[in-house]
Amino acid sequence: MILSTKVAVELAKHEFIQAAVLLHPSFVTVDDIKAVEVPTAVLGAEFDQISPPALLKQFEEVDGYVKIFPKVSHGWTVRYNAEDKSAAKFAEEAHQNMLEWFAKYVK
């Protein structure tokens, strides 16, 4: 199930879910991440005004796993040109990272 990143974080704060993956997060703060109680991966974009890499690096300092994809913009995992091999590669890589995260933590 795909949820907004803010909703996923709220659920993760209260252990209503077993794990979370935030793809190009929106409206998530460092305080939100500090309150998360389940394994959470953050997959972000190099070019993102909503959640810039500087903010995502703060998430990493608080709680673990952050991966910033180069040469992509906010929304790259769902809004990309399939003809663009680079864009498709990074989207597929993020989807694979997400599946691996859930396979590792969701029982």
Protein backbone atom coordinates (compact mmCIF):
# COMPACT_ATOMS: atom_id res chain seq x y z
CA MET A 1 0.00 0.00 0.00
CA ILE A 2 1.31 3.45 -0.86
CA LEU A 3 0.61 6.23 1.61
CA SER A 4 1.65 9.81 1.76
CA THR A 5 4.98 10.09 3.49
CA LYS A 6 3.52 12.19 6.30
CA VAL A 7 0.85 9.56 6.99
CA ALA A 8 3.46 6.77 6.93
CA VAL A 9 5.57 8.68 9.45
CA GLU A 10 2.59 9.23 11.75
CA LEU A 11 1.83 5.49 11.65
CA ALA A 12 5.50 4.69 12.29
CA LYS A 13 5.51 6.90 15.40
CA HIS A 14 3.00 4.63 17.08
CA GLU A 15 4.11 1.27 15.66
CA PHE A 16 0.91 0.81 13.68
CA ILE A 17 3.16 -0.49 10.90
CA GLN A 18 6.27 -2.70 11.00
CA ALA A 19 8.46 -0.63 8.68
CA ALA A 20 8.32 2.41 6.42
CA VAL A 21 9.98 3.64 3.26
CA LEU A 22 9.69 7.32 2.47
CA LEU A 23 10.12 8.04 -1.24
CA HIS A 24 10.77 11.73 -1.91
CA PRO A 25 9.21 12.70 1.45
CA SER A 26 6.97 15.73 1.84
CA PHE A 27 6.16 17.72 4.97
CA VAL A 28 8.26 15.44 7.19
CA THR A 29 10.37 17.17 9.83
CA VAL A 30 13.39 16.15 11.86
CA ASP A 31 11.12 16.02 14.93
CA ASP A 32 8.86 13.59 13.05
CA ILE A 33 11.82 11.31 12.32
CA LYS A 34 12.97 11.49 15.95
CA ALA A 35 9.59 10.09 17.02
CA VAL A 36 9.59 7.13 14.60
CA GLU A 37 9.54 3.74 16.34
CA VAL A 38 9.97 1.35 13.38
CA PRO A 39 12.76 0.82 10.82
CA THR A 40 12.44 3.61 8.27
CA ALA A 41 14.31 4.15 5.02
CA VAL A 42 14.35 7.55 3.34
CA LEU A 43 14.95 7.61 -0.41
CA GLY A 44 15.36 11.16 -1.64
CA ALA A 45 16.23 13.19 -4.71
CA GLU A 46 19.27 15.34 -5.36
CA PHE A 47 17.02 18.09 -6.71
CA ASP A 48 14.14 18.52 -4.28
CA GLN A 49 12.94 21.83 -2.91
CA ILE A 50 10.35 20.14 -0.70
CA SER A 51 12.84 17.82 1.03
CA PRO A 52 16.33 18.93 0.02
CA PRO A 53 19.36 16.70 0.61
CA ALA A 54 20.46 18.91 3.54
CA LEU A 55 17.22 18.05 5.37
CA LEU A 56 17.51 14.35 4.50
CA LYS A 57 21.05 14.28 5.89
CA GLN A 58 19.58 15.50 9.19
CA PHE A 59 17.18 12.54 9.08
CA GLU A 60 20.21 10.26 8.69
CA GLU A 61 21.81 11.74 11.81
CA VAL A 62 18.65 10.94 13.78
CA ASP A 63 17.60 7.55 12.51
CA GLY A 64 19.67 5.60 10.12
CA TYR A 65 19.11 4.88 6.49
CA VAL A 66 18.98 7.67 3.94
CA LYS A 67 19.83 7.33 0.26
CA ILE A 68 19.90 10.33 -2.05
CA PHE A 69 19.58 9.56 -5.74
CA PRO A 70 21.66 11.74 -8.07
CA LYS A 71 20.30 13.70 -11.02
CA VAL A 72 16.62 13.21 -10.10
CA SER A 73 13.88 15.53 -8.83
CA HIS A 74 11.06 15.20 -6.31
CA GLY A 75 8.66 12.50 -7.47
CA TRP A 76 11.20 10.64 -9.61
CA THR A 77 9.96 7.19 -8.59
CA VAL A 78 6.48 7.75 -10.01
CA ARG A 79 6.84 10.60 -12.49
CA TYR A 80 9.60 9.74 -14.91
CA ASN A 81 9.98 9.29 -18.63
CA ALA A 82 10.32 5.55 -19.28
CA GLU A 83 12.24 6.42 -22.48
CA ASP A 84 14.94 8.08 -20.37
CA LYS A 85 17.21 5.18 -19.43
CA SER A 86 18.82 7.03 -16.54
CA ALA A 87 15.50 8.12 -15.03
CA ALA A 88 14.05 4.61 -15.39
CA LYS A 89 17.20 3.07 -13.85
CA PHE A 90 16.99 5.26 -10.74
CA ALA A 91 13.24 4.67 -10.35
CA GLU A 92 13.73 0.91 -10.64
CA GLU A 93 16.62 1.03 -8.17
CA ALA A 94 14.46 2.91 -5.65
CA HIS A 95 11.61 0.42 -6.10
CA GLN A 96 14.05 -2.46 -5.53
CA ASN A 97 15.47 -0.75 -2.42
CA MET A 98 11.92 -0.36 -1.10
CA LEU A 99 11.06 -4.02 -1.69
CA GLU A 100 14.28 -5.16 -0.02
CA TRP A 101 13.61 -2.92 3.00
CA PHE A 102 10.14 -4.35 3.47
CA ALA A 103 11.36 -7.94 2.94
CA LYS A 104 13.95 -7.38 5.67
CA TYR A 105 11.64 -5.79 8.28
CA VAL A 106 8.06 -6.86 7.65
CA LYS A 107 7.28 -10.25 9.15
